[in-house]
Amino acid sequence: MRGCSGMVMPPSCLAGGIRSSVHMEYKRLMSLPGKYYNYDSSGNVTSRSIMSDQCAGQWFLGACDLDQGQFEVFPKSHVASALRTVFEKNVLGFAGGTMGAVNGMMPTGAADTSSVQSKEVWVGVVYALAATMIQEVTFCTSFEHAPMVFLLFLQSSS
């Protein structure tokens, strides 16, 4: 198997301790209702922030063909749930879905105001989010989501 850098990687390189510890950490970060990954594991109010780039690692793993089988780090059902939550809260819940994905939203639907970055929309994050949504076809199973994902791409390229 080849990694993103083109180097040949033995199958055991991700199947060992690194993969296991990453999986355990992300399992611990999954929100209680299991809808998205918490911002951090501190337990503070801000740790519940729904970050639009929370699946960036999954996007990279998928681009490297390391997102399934023995290499799977993030369960597909968790990724699909997190993407749905980000789409509902950070995209549709921000500016009526017309500006892309805001970096941080609280589970209540209010903007995360804990930092300046949380209240911003970053083109690269919107592009990566849209790419992840397309990559994870389990999220884009209905035609209802496809036009919005396409709009995310358009917004991020202009």
C-alpha atoms as a PDB file:
ATOM      1  CA  MET A   1       0.000   0.000   0.000  1.00  0.00           C
ATOM      2  CA  ARG A   2       1.196   3.512  -0.790  1.00  0.00           C
ATOM      3  CA  GLY A   3       0.684   6.465   1.501  1.00  0.00           C
ATOM      4  CA  CYS A   4       0.025  10.023   0.332  1.00  0.00           C
ATOM      5  CA  SER A   5       3.728  10.711   0.051  1.00  0.00           C
ATOM      6  CA  GLY A   6       4.070   7.785  -2.374  1.00  0.00           C
ATOM      7  CA  MET A   7       6.129   5.769   0.101  1.00  0.00           C
ATOM      8  CA  VAL A   8       5.305   2.099   0.436  1.00  0.00           C
ATOM      9  CA  MET A   9       3.752   1.543   3.852  1.00  0.00           C
ATOM     10  CA  PRO A  10       3.501  -1.848   5.532  1.00  0.00           C
ATOM     11  CA  PRO A  11      -0.097  -2.692   6.523  1.00  0.00           C
ATOM     12  CA  SER A  12       0.981  -2.952  10.145  1.00  0.00           C
ATOM     13  CA  CYS A  13       2.053   0.704  10.393  1.00  0.00           C
ATOM     14  CA  LEU A  14      -1.460   1.974  11.127  1.00  0.00           C
ATOM     15  CA  ALA A  15      -2.921  -1.225  12.496  1.00  0.00           C
ATOM     16  CA  GLY A  16      -0.862  -1.101  15.679  1.00  0.00           C
ATOM     17  CA  GLY A  17      -0.717   1.172  18.686  1.00  0.00           C
ATOM     18  CA  ILE A  18      -1.128   4.508  16.908  1.00  0.00           C
ATOM     19  CA  ARG A  19      -4.399   3.490  15.280  1.00  0.00           C
ATOM     20  CA  SER A  20      -5.686   2.029  18.503  1.00  0.00           C
ATOM     21  CA  SER A  21      -4.869   5.075  20.625  1.00  0.00           C
ATOM     22  CA  VAL A  22      -6.319   7.495  18.066  1.00  0.00           C
ATOM     23  CA  HIS A  23      -9.518   5.446  17.871  1.00  0.00           C
ATOM     24  CA  MET A  24      -9.851   5.417  21.666  1.00  0.00           C
ATOM     25  CA  GLU A  25      -9.306   9.189  21.883  1.00  0.00           C
ATOM     26  CA  TYR A  26     -11.930   9.914  19.263  1.00  0.00           C
ATOM     27  CA  LYS A  27     -14.336   7.491  20.878  1.00  0.00           C
ATOM     28  CA  ARG A  28     -13.907   9.482  24.108  1.00  0.00           C
ATOM     29  CA  LEU A  29     -14.504  12.744  22.239  1.00  0.00           C
ATOM     30  CA  MET A  30     -17.781  11.636  20.655  1.00  0.00           C
ATOM     31  CA  SER A  31     -20.579  13.739  22.146  1.00  0.00           C
ATOM     32  CA  LEU A  32     -22.969  12.002  24.522  1.00  0.00           C
ATOM     33  CA  PRO A  33     -25.838  11.747  22.039  1.00  0.00           C
ATOM     34  CA  GLY A  34     -23.228  10.497  19.533  1.00  0.00           C
ATOM     35  CA  LYS A  35     -23.926  13.161  16.932  1.00  0.00           C
ATOM     36  CA  TYR A  36     -20.502  14.801  16.539  1.00  0.00           C
ATOM     37  CA  TYR A  37     -16.983  14.933  17.955  1.00  0.00           C
ATOM     38  CA  ASN A  38     -16.482  17.401  20.804  1.00  0.00           C
ATOM     39  CA  TYR A  39     -13.908  20.160  20.280  1.00  0.00           C
ATOM     40  CA  ASP A  40     -11.807  18.752  23.122  1.00  0.00           C
ATOM     41  CA  SER A  41     -12.119  16.495  26.162  1.00  0.00           C
ATOM     42  CA  SER A  42     -11.765  19.209  28.835  1.00  0.00           C
ATOM     43  CA  GLY A  43     -15.419  19.090  29.852  1.00  0.00           C
ATOM     44  CA  ASN A  44     -15.678  22.893  29.635  1.00  0.00           C
ATOM     45  CA  VAL A  45     -18.719  24.463  27.992  1.00  0.00           C
ATOM     46  CA  THR A  46     -16.598  25.299  24.938  1.00  0.00           C
ATOM     47  CA  SER A  47     -15.557  21.658  24.535  1.00  0.00           C
ATOM     48  CA  ARG A  48     -19.079  20.988  23.206  1.00  0.00           C
ATOM     49  CA  SER A  49     -18.482  23.336  20.252  1.00  0.00           C
ATOM     50  CA  ILE A  50     -19.314  21.768  16.886  1.00  0.00           C
ATOM     51  CA  MET A  51     -16.281  22.492  14.732  1.00  0.00           C
ATOM     52  CA  SER A  52     -16.788  22.449  10.974  1.00  0.00           C
ATOM     53  CA  ASP A  53     -13.374  20.849  10.380  1.00  0.00           C
ATOM     54  CA  GLN A  54     -13.792  17.969  12.833  1.00  0.00           C
ATOM     55  CA  CYS A  55     -13.635  15.364  10.043  1.00  0.00           C
ATOM     56  CA  ALA A  56     -10.527  16.779   8.342  1.00  0.00           C
ATOM     57  CA  GLY A  57      -8.514  13.737   9.406  1.00  0.00           C
ATOM     58  CA  GLN A  58     -11.089  11.437   7.823  1.00  0.00           C
ATOM     59  CA  TRP A  59     -10.856  13.411   4.579  1.00  0.00           C
ATOM     60  CA  PHE A  60      -7.062  12.993   4.542  1.00  0.00           C
ATOM     61  CA  LEU A  61      -7.274   9.293   5.384  1.00  0.00           C
ATOM     62  CA  GLY A  62      -9.814   8.798   2.587  1.00  0.00           C
ATOM     63  CA  ALA A  63      -7.608  10.650   0.100  1.00  0.00           C
ATOM     64  CA  CYS A  64      -4.826   8.211   1.029  1.00  0.00           C
ATOM     65  CA  ASP A  65      -7.184   5.201   0.815  1.00  0.00           C
ATOM     66  CA  LEU A  66      -6.624   4.557   4.529  1.00  0.00           C
ATOM     67  CA  ASP A  67     -10.182   5.030   5.757  1.00  0.00           C
ATOM     68  CA  GLN A  68     -11.584   1.517   5.751  1.00  0.00           C
ATOM     69  CA  GLY A  69     -10.957  -2.089   6.655  1.00  0.00           C
ATOM     70  CA  GLN A  70      -7.958  -2.670   8.879  1.00  0.00           C
ATOM     71  CA  PHE A  71      -6.998   1.000   8.559  1.00  0.00           C
ATOM     72  CA  GLU A  72     -10.332   2.457   9.692  1.00  0.00           C
ATOM     73  CA  VAL A  73      -9.817   4.884  12.572  1.00  0.00           C
ATOM     74  CA  PHE A  74     -13.178   6.632  12.599  1.00  0.00           C
ATOM     75  CA  PRO A  75     -16.306   4.458  12.420  1.00  0.00           C
ATOM     76  CA  LYS A  76     -18.254   5.358   9.259  1.00  0.00           C
ATOM     77  CA  SER A  77     -21.467   5.801  11.256  1.00  0.00           C
ATOM     78  CA  HIS A  78     -19.751   8.380  13.506  1.00  0.00           C
ATOM     79  CA  VAL A  79     -18.350  10.257  10.514  1.00  0.00           C
ATOM     80  CA  ALA A  80     -21.758  10.339   8.797  1.00  0.00           C
ATOM     81  CA  SER A  81     -23.411  11.559  12.002  1.00  0.00           C
ATOM     82  CA  ALA A  82     -20.753  14.243  12.547  1.00  0.00           C
ATOM     83  CA  LEU A  83     -21.088  15.453   8.945  1.00  0.00           C
ATOM     84  CA  ARG A  84     -24.874  15.609   9.262  1.00  0.00           C
ATOM     85  CA  THR A  85     -24.561  17.637  12.467  1.00  0.00           C
ATOM     86  CA  VAL A  86     -22.022  20.042  10.933  1.00  0.00           C
ATOM     87  CA  PHE A  87     -24.254  20.441   7.875  1.00  0.00           C
ATOM     88  CA  GLU A  88     -27.329  21.173   9.999  1.00  0.00           C
ATOM     89  CA  LYS A  89     -25.655  23.455  12.565  1.00  0.00           C
ATOM     90  CA  ASN A  90     -22.623  25.065  10.884  1.00  0.00           C
ATOM     91  CA  VAL A  91     -23.963  25.352   7.325  1.00  0.00           C
ATOM     92  CA  LEU A  92     -27.769  25.578   7.395  1.00  0.00           C
ATOM     93  CA  GLY A  93     -27.814  27.154  10.875  1.00  0.00           C
ATOM     94  CA  PHE A  94     -25.455  29.971   9.892  1.00  0.00           C
ATOM     95  CA  ALA A  95     -26.654  32.849   7.685  1.00  0.00           C
ATOM     96  CA  GLY A  96     -29.441  30.657   6.325  1.00  0.00           C
ATOM     97  CA  GLY A  97     -26.941  28.330   4.672  1.00  0.00           C
ATOM     98  CA  THR A  98     -25.759  31.026   2.258  1.00  0.00           C
ATOM     99  CA  MET A  99     -22.185  31.638   3.457  1.00  0.00           C
ATOM    100  CA  GLY A 100     -20.668  28.195   3.880  1.00  0.00           C
ATOM    101  CA  ALA A 101     -19.777  26.588   7.185  1.00  0.00           C
ATOM    102  CA  VAL A 102     -18.952  28.754  10.186  1.00  0.00           C
ATOM    103  CA  ASN A 103     -16.017  27.305  12.130  1.00  0.00           C
ATOM    104  CA  GLY A 104     -17.856  26.773  15.431  1.00  0.00           C
ATOM    105  CA  MET A 105     -21.448  26.413  16.588  1.00  0.00           C
ATOM    106  CA  MET A 106     -22.829  25.369  19.941  1.00  0.00           C
ATOM    107  CA  PRO A 107     -25.268  22.424  20.187  1.00  0.00           C
ATOM    108  CA  THR A 108     -28.026  24.937  20.974  1.00  0.00           C
ATOM    109  CA  GLY A 109     -27.662  26.430  17.494  1.00  0.00           C
ATOM    110  CA  ALA A 110     -25.990  29.598  18.766  1.00  0.00           C
ATOM    111  CA  ALA A 111     -22.648  30.674  17.336  1.00  0.00           C
ATOM    112  CA  ASP A 112     -19.601  29.730  19.388  1.00  0.00           C
ATOM    113  CA  THR A 113     -18.263  33.053  20.633  1.00  0.00           C
ATOM    114  CA  SER A 114     -15.355  31.671  22.660  1.00  0.00           C
ATOM    115  CA  SER A 115     -12.822  32.849  20.059  1.00  0.00           C
ATOM    116  CA  VAL A 116     -12.642  35.024  16.976  1.00  0.00           C
ATOM    117  CA  GLN A 117     -11.855  31.996  14.787  1.00  0.00           C
ATOM    118  CA  SER A 118     -15.059  30.227  15.848  1.00  0.00           C
ATOM    119  CA  LYS A 119     -17.171  33.006  14.334  1.00  0.00           C
ATOM    120  CA  GLU A 120     -15.393  32.977  10.963  1.00  0.00           C
ATOM    121  CA  VAL A 121     -15.898  31.089   7.712  1.00  0.00           C
ATOM    122  CA  TRP A 122     -12.650  29.851   6.167  1.00  0.00           C
ATOM    123  CA  VAL A 123     -12.660  28.957   2.476  1.00  0.00           C
ATOM    124  CA  GLY A 124     -10.233  26.053   2.896  1.00  0.00           C
ATOM    125  CA  VAL A 125     -12.300  24.517   5.687  1.00  0.00           C
ATOM    126  CA  VAL A 126     -15.493  24.867   3.624  1.00  0.00           C
ATOM    127  CA  TYR A 127     -13.772  23.213   0.660  1.00  0.00           C
ATOM    128  CA  ALA A 128     -12.458  20.356   2.818  1.00  0.00           C
ATOM    129  CA  LEU A 129     -15.875  19.896   4.440  1.00  0.00           C
ATOM    130  CA  ALA A 130     -17.615  19.698   1.063  1.00  0.00           C
ATOM    131  CA  ALA A 131     -14.962  17.266  -0.204  1.00  0.00           C
ATOM    132  CA  THR A 132     -15.423  15.096   2.881  1.00  0.00           C
ATOM    133  CA  MET A 133     -19.191  15.094   2.394  1.00  0.00           C
ATOM    134  CA  ILE A 134     -18.766  13.928  -1.187  1.00  0.00           C
ATOM    135  CA  GLN A 135     -16.113  11.371  -0.204  1.00  0.00           C
ATOM    136  CA  GLU A 136     -18.355   9.945   2.503  1.00  0.00           C
ATOM    137  CA  VAL A 137     -21.207   8.920   0.216  1.00  0.00           C
ATOM    138  CA  THR A 138     -23.227   7.717   3.201  1.00  0.00           C
ATOM    139  CA  PHE A 139     -23.893  11.378   4.016  1.00  0.00           C
ATOM    140  CA  CYS A 140     -24.895  12.416   0.495  1.00  0.00           C
ATOM    141  CA  THR A 141     -27.444   9.680  -0.010  1.00  0.00           C
ATOM    142  CA  SER A 142     -30.325  12.010  -0.754  1.00  0.00           C
ATOM    143  CA  PHE A 143     -30.605  14.521  -3.559  1.00  0.00           C
ATOM    144  CA  GLU A 144     -31.646  17.045  -0.924  1.00  0.00           C
ATOM    145  CA  HIS A 145     -28.022  17.346   0.276  1.00  0.00           C
ATOM    146  CA  ALA A 146     -26.297  17.301  -3.116  1.00  0.00           C
ATOM    147  CA  PRO A 147     -27.206  20.876  -4.170  1.00  0.00           C
ATOM    148  CA  MET A 148     -26.023  22.294  -0.824  1.00  0.00           C
ATOM    149  CA  VAL A 149     -22.706  20.436  -1.023  1.00  0.00           C
ATOM    150  CA  PHE A 150     -22.291  21.776  -4.565  1.00  0.00           C
ATOM    151  CA  LEU A 151     -23.004  25.297  -3.268  1.00  0.00           C
ATOM    152  CA  LEU A 152     -20.341  24.810  -0.582  1.00  0.00           C
ATOM    153  CA  PHE A 153     -17.854  24.051  -3.360  1.00  0.00           C
ATOM    154  CA  LEU A 154     -18.943  27.099  -5.343  1.00  0.00           C
ATOM    155  CA  GLN A 155     -18.696  29.360  -2.301  1.00  0.00           C
ATOM    156  CA  SER A 156     -15.245  28.096  -1.427  1.00  0.00           C
ATOM    157  CA  SER A 157     -13.885  28.619  -4.942  1.00  0.00           C
ATOM    158  CA  SER A 158     -15.096  32.204  -5.361  1.00  0.00           C
END
